[in-house]
Amino acid sequence: MQNQIGTINQTNSVDWAAWAKAWGGVVVIAFLNGILHRTYEGALGERRAHQLSSVVLLALLAPWAIRTERRHPLPSVPAGLQVGVLWSSASVAFEFLFGHCVNKDTWSELFHAYNLLDGRLWLLDVLGIAAAPGLARAWLIRDHSRRPEMSTS
């Protein structure tokens, strides 16, 4: 009998190009989340809207990471964490460059989003972005190992 985990679409290396392109989807999700944020900010206030937006971002990110993992399987959970570090590093760099150069946000304003003591949850989003590919890999391994092996005889 074949090891069920071995039957999952798995490769020996990371398709870095595919996962780097998939980060573009993270950017799209973040922009859509930003638009959604604007729709409820007036009703909730700026801080509560920021907090809700942080949770919504992670909820939207999970299916994207799982979809990407299904299309471009990672060899292991640690490889997923490496991809996640790439995704989160690119996200922070993009946030600071876009925020400062395009939105004209001050550095102080940009760093303020990381202030957990002030109820700012962006740091948790960055950690969630870093964890998403590895968690997607782990979840799919777990999900596939729970399913009974299909018999073709």
Protein backbone atom coordinates (compact mmCIF):
# COMPACT_ATOMS: atom_id res chain seq x y z
CA MET A 1 0.00 0.00 0.00
CA GLN A 2 1.33 3.37 -0.99
CA ASN A 3 1.84 6.05 1.64
CA GLN A 4 -1.14 8.40 1.27
CA ILE A 5 0.94 11.51 1.88
CA GLY A 6 3.18 10.40 -0.97
CA THR A 7 0.17 10.33 -3.29
CA ILE A 8 -0.50 14.03 -2.86
CA ASN A 9 0.76 16.15 -5.74
CA GLN A 10 4.17 16.85 -4.37
CA THR A 11 7.40 17.90 -5.98
CA ASN A 12 10.98 17.92 -4.80
CA SER A 13 11.47 21.64 -5.31
CA VAL A 14 9.62 24.91 -5.03
CA ASP A 15 8.32 26.50 -8.22
CA TRP A 16 9.60 29.91 -7.12
CA ALA A 17 8.41 31.68 -10.26
CA ALA A 18 4.84 30.44 -9.78
CA TRP A 19 4.79 31.36 -6.10
CA ALA A 20 6.32 34.78 -6.81
CA LYS A 21 3.60 35.39 -9.42
CA ALA A 22 1.00 34.21 -6.92
CA TRP A 23 2.13 37.00 -4.62
CA GLY A 24 0.52 39.30 -7.19
CA GLY A 25 -2.77 37.76 -6.11
CA VAL A 26 -1.95 38.74 -2.54
CA VAL A 27 -1.60 42.34 -3.73
CA VAL A 28 -4.96 42.16 -5.53
CA ILE A 29 -6.59 40.70 -2.41
CA ALA A 30 -5.09 43.49 -0.31
CA PHE A 31 -6.35 46.19 -2.70
CA LEU A 32 -9.85 44.66 -2.76
CA ASN A 33 -9.75 44.47 1.02
CA GLY A 34 -8.75 48.13 1.12
CA ILE A 35 -11.75 49.06 -1.03
CA LEU A 36 -14.04 47.00 1.20
CA HIS A 37 -12.47 48.69 4.25
CA ARG A 38 -13.56 52.08 2.93
CA THR A 39 -17.18 50.91 2.71
CA TYR A 40 -17.49 50.19 6.44
CA GLU A 41 -14.98 52.63 7.89
CA GLY A 42 -17.59 55.37 8.33
CA ALA A 43 -19.90 53.11 10.30
CA LEU A 44 -17.20 51.46 12.45
CA GLY A 45 -14.64 54.18 12.87
CA GLU A 46 -11.04 54.05 11.70
CA ARG A 47 -9.56 51.72 14.36
CA ARG A 48 -12.39 49.14 14.30
CA ALA A 49 -12.39 49.20 10.49
CA HIS A 50 -8.63 48.58 10.53
CA GLN A 51 -9.11 45.63 12.88
CA LEU A 52 -11.92 44.13 10.83
CA SER A 53 -9.92 44.68 7.67
CA SER A 54 -6.99 42.78 9.18
CA VAL A 55 -9.20 39.77 9.89
CA VAL A 56 -10.86 39.96 6.47
CA LEU A 57 -7.48 40.04 4.74
CA LEU A 58 -6.44 36.77 6.39
CA ALA A 59 -9.82 35.20 5.60
CA LEU A 60 -9.43 36.15 1.93
CA LEU A 61 -5.81 35.05 1.83
CA ALA A 62 -6.45 31.48 3.02
CA PRO A 63 -8.32 30.25 -0.08
CA TRP A 64 -5.74 31.94 -2.32
CA ALA A 65 -2.87 30.15 -0.60
CA ILE A 66 -4.73 26.82 -0.80
CA ARG A 67 -5.52 27.34 -4.49
CA THR A 68 -1.90 28.18 -5.21
CA GLU A 69 -0.70 25.15 -3.22
CA ARG A 70 -3.01 22.87 -5.22
CA ARG A 71 -1.69 24.24 -8.52
CA HIS A 72 1.97 24.45 -7.50
CA PRO A 73 2.50 21.92 -4.70
CA LEU A 74 5.26 22.65 -2.25
CA PRO A 75 7.65 19.88 -1.24
CA SER A 76 7.16 20.49 2.49
CA VAL A 77 5.71 22.74 5.15
CA PRO A 78 9.15 24.35 5.76
CA ALA A 79 9.34 25.17 2.03
CA GLY A 80 5.93 26.81 2.44
CA LEU A 81 7.30 28.91 5.26
CA GLN A 82 10.18 29.99 3.00
CA VAL A 83 7.66 31.06 0.37
CA GLY A 84 5.70 32.83 3.11
CA VAL A 85 8.76 34.81 4.13
CA LEU A 86 9.11 35.88 0.49
CA TRP A 87 5.44 36.87 0.38
CA SER A 88 5.51 38.81 3.65
CA SER A 89 8.82 40.54 2.85
CA ALA A 90 7.49 41.60 -0.53
CA SER A 91 4.25 42.78 1.10
CA VAL A 92 6.04 44.94 3.67
CA ALA A 93 8.40 46.37 1.04
CA PHE A 94 5.43 47.12 -1.23
CA GLU A 95 3.46 48.67 1.61
CA PHE A 96 6.28 51.00 2.60
CA LEU A 97 7.28 51.95 -0.95
CA PHE A 98 3.72 52.41 -2.22
CA GLY A 99 2.56 54.05 1.01
CA HIS A 100 5.43 56.51 1.16
CA CYS A 101 6.04 57.23 -2.51
CA VAL A 102 2.49 57.06 -3.93
CA ASN A 103 0.16 57.74 -1.00
CA LYS A 104 2.65 60.20 0.54
CA ASP A 105 2.20 58.60 3.97
CA THR A 106 4.86 59.57 6.49
CA TRP A 107 7.18 56.89 7.85
CA SER A 108 5.56 57.43 11.24
CA GLU A 109 2.11 56.71 9.79
CA LEU A 110 3.39 53.58 8.10
CA PHE A 111 5.05 52.25 11.25
CA HIS A 112 1.93 53.08 13.29
CA ALA A 113 0.08 50.20 11.56
CA TYR A 114 2.36 47.81 13.49
CA ASN A 115 1.48 49.20 16.95
CA LEU A 116 -0.33 46.29 18.61
CA LEU A 117 -0.68 48.29 21.84
CA ASP A 118 -2.81 50.79 19.92
CA GLY A 119 -5.03 48.04 18.50
CA ARG A 120 -3.25 47.95 15.13
CA LEU A 121 -3.14 44.43 13.71
CA TRP A 122 -1.05 44.77 10.56
CA LEU A 123 1.82 42.88 12.22
CA LEU A 124 -0.53 39.90 12.61
CA ASP A 125 -1.39 40.15 8.91
CA VAL A 126 2.30 40.13 8.00
CA LEU A 127 2.76 37.01 10.14
CA GLY A 128 -0.36 35.48 8.59
CA ILE A 129 0.95 36.17 5.11
CA ALA A 130 4.23 34.52 6.10
CA ALA A 131 2.44 31.46 7.46
CA ALA A 132 -0.19 31.06 4.71
CA PRO A 133 1.72 28.90 2.18
CA GLY A 134 3.08 26.57 4.87
CA LEU A 135 -0.33 26.29 6.52
CA ALA A 136 -1.91 25.58 3.12
CA ARG A 137 0.61 22.77 2.56
CA ALA A 138 -0.01 21.34 6.04
CA TRP A 139 -3.79 21.57 5.64
CA LEU A 140 -3.77 19.80 2.28
CA ILE A 141 -1.52 17.04 3.62
CA ARG A 142 -3.88 16.59 6.57
CA ASP A 143 -6.97 16.75 4.37
CA HIS A 144 -5.62 14.15 1.94
CA SER A 145 -4.43 11.83 4.69
CA ARG A 146 -7.95 11.73 6.18
CA ARG A 147 -9.57 10.66 2.92
CA PRO A 148 -9.68 6.95 2.22
CA GLU A 149 -7.52 5.92 -0.72
CA MET A 150 -9.60 5.43 -3.85
CA SER A 151 -9.41 1.93 -5.25
CA THR A 152 -9.20 1.55 -9.03
CA SER A 153 -9.70 -2.22 -9.06
